[in-house]
């Protein structure tokens, strides 16, 4: 009887992961929360003459150096940054993902299907808090999608 209960729980766990992955793949706009840590790195480039700073956000996937996701906030490609409050975060809660939540999904699926160039990707930078607001940066994905033949 115990084994039957465990099997039923495992089945529902797998179904919920698959539904979560399918939901994320269907989104056209994704928000990724960023917290600086040993495995999540934010690089600020030197300030330009007009006061603009380019940034890179690097997330290590499953703590392996060869499996990283990198996003760039670059003035020459996309310029959109703004402060958002808690109401905005609550409103878009279903679209906010964390790299930790993606660890259950294959790296290749994430790189090819979720972080592709057709989606609009924003980084919610939790390291830059101003008056209880956080910074939101529209970024582009610099991840490569390798296709197996």
C-alpha atoms as a PDB file:
ATOM      1  CA  UNK A   1       0.000   0.000   0.000  1.00  0.00           C
ATOM      2  CA  UNK A   2       2.858   2.372   0.827  1.00  0.00           C
ATOM      3  CA  UNK A   3       4.437   1.764  -2.570  1.00  0.00           C
ATOM      4  CA  UNK A   4       1.184   2.546  -4.323  1.00  0.00           C
ATOM      5  CA  UNK A   5       0.949   5.896  -2.534  1.00  0.00           C
ATOM      6  CA  UNK A   6       4.534   6.736  -3.474  1.00  0.00           C
ATOM      7  CA  UNK A   7       3.894   5.854  -7.124  1.00  0.00           C
ATOM      8  CA  UNK A   8       0.779   8.017  -7.231  1.00  0.00           C
ATOM      9  CA  UNK A   9       2.669  10.958  -5.720  1.00  0.00           C
ATOM     10  CA  UNK A  10       5.524  10.562  -8.205  1.00  0.00           C
ATOM     11  CA  UNK A  11       3.069  10.487 -11.093  1.00  0.00           C
ATOM     12  CA  UNK A  12       1.375  13.721 -10.015  1.00  0.00           C
ATOM     13  CA  UNK A  13       4.768  15.353  -9.423  1.00  0.00           C
ATOM     14  CA  UNK A  14       5.881  14.527 -12.991  1.00  0.00           C
ATOM     15  CA  UNK A  15       2.586  15.805 -14.450  1.00  0.00           C
ATOM     16  CA  UNK A  16       2.884  19.096 -12.556  1.00  0.00           C
ATOM     17  CA  UNK A  17       6.462  19.621 -13.817  1.00  0.00           C
ATOM     18  CA  UNK A  18       5.378  18.985 -17.415  1.00  0.00           C
ATOM     19  CA  UNK A  19       2.474  21.415 -17.085  1.00  0.00           C
ATOM     20  CA  UNK A  20       4.750  24.063 -15.589  1.00  0.00           C
ATOM     21  CA  UNK A  21       7.242  23.672 -18.448  1.00  0.00           C
ATOM     22  CA  UNK A  22       4.509  23.855 -21.101  1.00  0.00           C
ATOM     23  CA  UNK A  23       3.050  26.976 -19.480  1.00  0.00           C
ATOM     24  CA  UNK A  24       6.438  28.724 -19.455  1.00  0.00           C
ATOM     25  CA  UNK A  25       7.073  27.772 -23.104  1.00  0.00           C
ATOM     26  CA  UNK A  26       3.787  29.419 -24.146  1.00  0.00           C
ATOM     27  CA  UNK A  27       4.566  32.770 -22.501  1.00  0.00           C
ATOM     28  CA  UNK A  28       5.615  35.602 -24.808  1.00  0.00           C
ATOM     29  CA  UNK A  29       7.041  37.723 -21.973  1.00  0.00           C
ATOM     30  CA  UNK A  30       9.152  36.232 -19.191  1.00  0.00           C
ATOM     31  CA  UNK A  31      10.384  37.883 -16.012  1.00  0.00           C
ATOM     32  CA  UNK A  32      13.442  36.349 -14.337  1.00  0.00           C
ATOM     33  CA  UNK A  33      14.203  37.268 -10.755  1.00  0.00           C
ATOM     34  CA  UNK A  34      17.881  37.891 -10.088  1.00  0.00           C
ATOM     35  CA  UNK A  35      19.532  37.599  -6.686  1.00  0.00           C
ATOM     36  CA  UNK A  36      23.288  37.903  -6.588  1.00  0.00           C
ATOM     37  CA  UNK A  37      25.015  34.814  -5.209  1.00  0.00           C
ATOM     38  CA  UNK A  38      28.030  32.629  -5.744  1.00  0.00           C
ATOM     39  CA  UNK A  39      26.398  31.112  -8.838  1.00  0.00           C
ATOM     40  CA  UNK A  40      24.492  34.176 -10.116  1.00  0.00           C
ATOM     41  CA  UNK A  41      26.709  36.996 -11.332  1.00  0.00           C
ATOM     42  CA  UNK A  42      25.919  40.546 -12.376  1.00  0.00           C
ATOM     43  CA  UNK A  43      28.529  42.461 -14.346  1.00  0.00           C
ATOM     44  CA  UNK A  44      28.327  46.244 -14.614  1.00  0.00           C
ATOM     45  CA  UNK A  45      30.385  47.670 -17.443  1.00  0.00           C
ATOM     46  CA  UNK A  46      32.058  51.085 -17.186  1.00  0.00           C
ATOM     47  CA  UNK A  47      29.766  54.058 -17.478  1.00  0.00           C
ATOM     48  CA  UNK A  48      29.652  55.694 -20.895  1.00  0.00           C
ATOM     49  CA  UNK A  49      29.818  59.433 -21.602  1.00  0.00           C
ATOM     50  CA  UNK A  50      26.026  59.760 -21.555  1.00  0.00           C
ATOM     51  CA  UNK A  51      25.805  58.054 -18.136  1.00  0.00           C
ATOM     52  CA  UNK A  52      24.507  54.753 -19.489  1.00  0.00           C
ATOM     53  CA  UNK A  53      25.805  51.427 -18.132  1.00  0.00           C
ATOM     54  CA  UNK A  54      25.602  48.132 -19.974  1.00  0.00           C
ATOM     55  CA  UNK A  55      25.049  45.069 -17.776  1.00  0.00           C
ATOM     56  CA  UNK A  56      25.311  41.294 -18.039  1.00  0.00           C
ATOM     57  CA  UNK A  57      23.448  38.790 -15.905  1.00  0.00           C
ATOM     58  CA  UNK A  58      24.860  35.251 -15.710  1.00  0.00           C
ATOM     59  CA  UNK A  59      22.997  32.365 -14.121  1.00  0.00           C
ATOM     60  CA  UNK A  60      24.744  29.035 -13.511  1.00  0.00           C
ATOM     61  CA  UNK A  61      22.363  26.213 -14.264  1.00  0.00           C
ATOM     62  CA  UNK A  62      22.704  23.374 -11.754  1.00  0.00           C
ATOM     63  CA  UNK A  63      25.977  24.959 -10.580  1.00  0.00           C
ATOM     64  CA  UNK A  64      27.985  23.783 -13.608  1.00  0.00           C
ATOM     65  CA  UNK A  65      30.235  26.288 -15.353  1.00  0.00           C
ATOM     66  CA  UNK A  66      29.547  24.856 -18.797  1.00  0.00           C
ATOM     67  CA  UNK A  67      25.780  25.288 -18.385  1.00  0.00           C
ATOM     68  CA  UNK A  68      25.170  28.979 -17.909  1.00  0.00           C
ATOM     69  CA  UNK A  69      22.458  31.326 -19.084  1.00  0.00           C
ATOM     70  CA  UNK A  70      23.611  34.809 -19.998  1.00  0.00           C
ATOM     71  CA  UNK A  71      21.525  37.903 -20.652  1.00  0.00           C
ATOM     72  CA  UNK A  72      22.702  41.362 -21.678  1.00  0.00           C
ATOM     73  CA  UNK A  73      21.254  44.797 -21.146  1.00  0.00           C
ATOM     74  CA  UNK A  74      22.884  46.670 -24.011  1.00  0.00           C
ATOM     75  CA  UNK A  75      22.128  50.219 -25.087  1.00  0.00           C
ATOM     76  CA  UNK A  76      22.787  49.420 -28.747  1.00  0.00           C
ATOM     77  CA  UNK A  77      20.254  46.577 -28.832  1.00  0.00           C
ATOM     78  CA  UNK A  78      17.516  47.231 -26.267  1.00  0.00           C
ATOM     79  CA  UNK A  79      16.968  50.203 -24.017  1.00  0.00           C
ATOM     80  CA  UNK A  80      14.237  49.689 -21.506  1.00  0.00           C
ATOM     81  CA  UNK A  81      14.660  49.885 -17.790  1.00  0.00           C
ATOM     82  CA  UNK A  82      12.316  51.098 -15.106  1.00  0.00           C
ATOM     83  CA  UNK A  83      11.501  50.877 -11.435  1.00  0.00           C
ATOM     84  CA  UNK A  84       8.600  48.632 -10.506  1.00  0.00           C
ATOM     85  CA  UNK A  85       6.767  48.217  -7.221  1.00  0.00           C
ATOM     86  CA  UNK A  86       5.318  45.249  -5.375  1.00  0.00           C
ATOM     87  CA  UNK A  87       1.928  45.659  -7.096  1.00  0.00           C
ATOM     88  CA  UNK A  88       3.574  45.076 -10.485  1.00  0.00           C
ATOM     89  CA  UNK A  89       5.327  41.972  -9.164  1.00  0.00           C
ATOM     90  CA  UNK A  90       2.056  40.586  -7.769  1.00  0.00           C
ATOM     91  CA  UNK A  91       0.234  41.291 -11.025  1.00  0.00           C
ATOM     92  CA  UNK A  92       2.849  39.393 -13.080  1.00  0.00           C
ATOM     93  CA  UNK A  93       3.556  36.664 -10.529  1.00  0.00           C
ATOM     94  CA  UNK A  94       2.652  33.860 -12.973  1.00  0.00           C
ATOM     95  CA  UNK A  95       5.210  35.139 -15.490  1.00  0.00           C
ATOM     96  CA  UNK A  96       8.073  35.438 -12.987  1.00  0.00           C
ATOM     97  CA  UNK A  97      10.430  32.469 -12.985  1.00  0.00           C
ATOM     98  CA  UNK A  98      13.565  31.641 -11.098  1.00  0.00           C
ATOM     99  CA  UNK A  99      16.539  29.683 -12.336  1.00  0.00           C
ATOM    100  CA  UNK A 100      16.010  27.357  -9.382  1.00  0.00           C
ATOM    101  CA  UNK A 101      12.566  26.435 -10.750  1.00  0.00           C
ATOM    102  CA  UNK A 102      14.099  25.588 -14.141  1.00  0.00           C
ATOM    103  CA  UNK A 103      16.521  23.042 -12.687  1.00  0.00           C
ATOM    104  CA  UNK A 104      13.900  20.316 -13.134  1.00  0.00           C
ATOM    105  CA  UNK A 105      13.895  20.904 -16.893  1.00  0.00           C
ATOM    106  CA  UNK A 106      16.641  19.809 -19.289  1.00  0.00           C
ATOM    107  CA  UNK A 107      19.207  22.509 -20.094  1.00  0.00           C
ATOM    108  CA  UNK A 108      18.630  22.088 -23.841  1.00  0.00           C
ATOM    109  CA  UNK A 109      14.861  22.629 -23.470  1.00  0.00           C
ATOM    110  CA  UNK A 110      15.405  25.775 -21.445  1.00  0.00           C
ATOM    111  CA  UNK A 111      17.984  27.228 -23.860  1.00  0.00           C
ATOM    112  CA  UNK A 112      16.008  26.408 -27.030  1.00  0.00           C
ATOM    113  CA  UNK A 113      12.371  26.715 -25.992  1.00  0.00           C
ATOM    114  CA  UNK A 114      12.177  29.083 -23.042  1.00  0.00           C
ATOM    115  CA  UNK A 115      15.054  31.553 -23.529  1.00  0.00           C
ATOM    116  CA  UNK A 116      14.783  31.904 -27.289  1.00  0.00           C
ATOM    117  CA  UNK A 117      15.047  35.200 -29.134  1.00  0.00           C
ATOM    118  CA  UNK A 118      11.332  35.361 -29.939  1.00  0.00           C
ATOM    119  CA  UNK A 119      10.419  36.026 -26.325  1.00  0.00           C
ATOM    120  CA  UNK A 120      10.626  39.304 -24.475  1.00  0.00           C
ATOM    121  CA  UNK A 121      12.776  38.751 -21.401  1.00  0.00           C
ATOM    122  CA  UNK A 122      13.021  41.044 -18.401  1.00  0.00           C
ATOM    123  CA  UNK A 123      15.381  40.701 -15.451  1.00  0.00           C
ATOM    124  CA  UNK A 124      13.990  41.769 -12.090  1.00  0.00           C
ATOM    125  CA  UNK A 125      17.142  42.929 -10.349  1.00  0.00           C
ATOM    126  CA  UNK A 126      16.516  42.417  -6.643  1.00  0.00           C
ATOM    127  CA  UNK A 127      19.989  43.759  -5.821  1.00  0.00           C
ATOM    128  CA  UNK A 128      19.001  47.309  -6.845  1.00  0.00           C
ATOM    129  CA  UNK A 129      16.275  48.423  -4.472  1.00  0.00           C
ATOM    130  CA  UNK A 130      15.162  52.043  -4.402  1.00  0.00           C
ATOM    131  CA  UNK A 131      12.326  53.164  -2.116  1.00  0.00           C
ATOM    132  CA  UNK A 132      10.916  49.585  -1.895  1.00  0.00           C
ATOM    133  CA  UNK A 133      10.959  49.348  -5.698  1.00  0.00           C
ATOM    134  CA  UNK A 134      13.193  47.098  -7.779  1.00  0.00           C
ATOM    135  CA  UNK A 135      14.767  47.670 -11.175  1.00  0.00           C
ATOM    136  CA  UNK A 136      13.416  45.924 -14.249  1.00  0.00           C
ATOM    137  CA  UNK A 137      15.684  45.530 -17.301  1.00  0.00           C
ATOM    138  CA  UNK A 138      14.655  44.303 -20.723  1.00  0.00           C
ATOM    139  CA  UNK A 139      17.480  42.018 -21.845  1.00  0.00           C
ATOM    140  CA  UNK A 140      18.408  39.842 -24.759  1.00  0.00           C
ATOM    141  CA  UNK A 141      19.463  36.241 -24.414  1.00  0.00           C
ATOM    142  CA  UNK A 142      22.981  35.396 -25.576  1.00  0.00           C
ATOM    143  CA  UNK A 143      22.455  31.672 -25.041  1.00  0.00           C
ATOM    144  CA  UNK A 144      23.123  29.228 -27.846  1.00  0.00           C
ATOM    145  CA  UNK A 145      20.733  26.458 -28.744  1.00  0.00           C
ATOM    146  CA  UNK A 146      22.525  23.350 -29.920  1.00  0.00           C
ATOM    147  CA  UNK A 147      20.499  21.017 -32.091  1.00  0.00           C
ATOM    148  CA  UNK A 148      21.126  17.297 -31.963  1.00  0.00           C
ATOM    149  CA  UNK A 149      20.873  15.481 -35.264  1.00  0.00           C
END
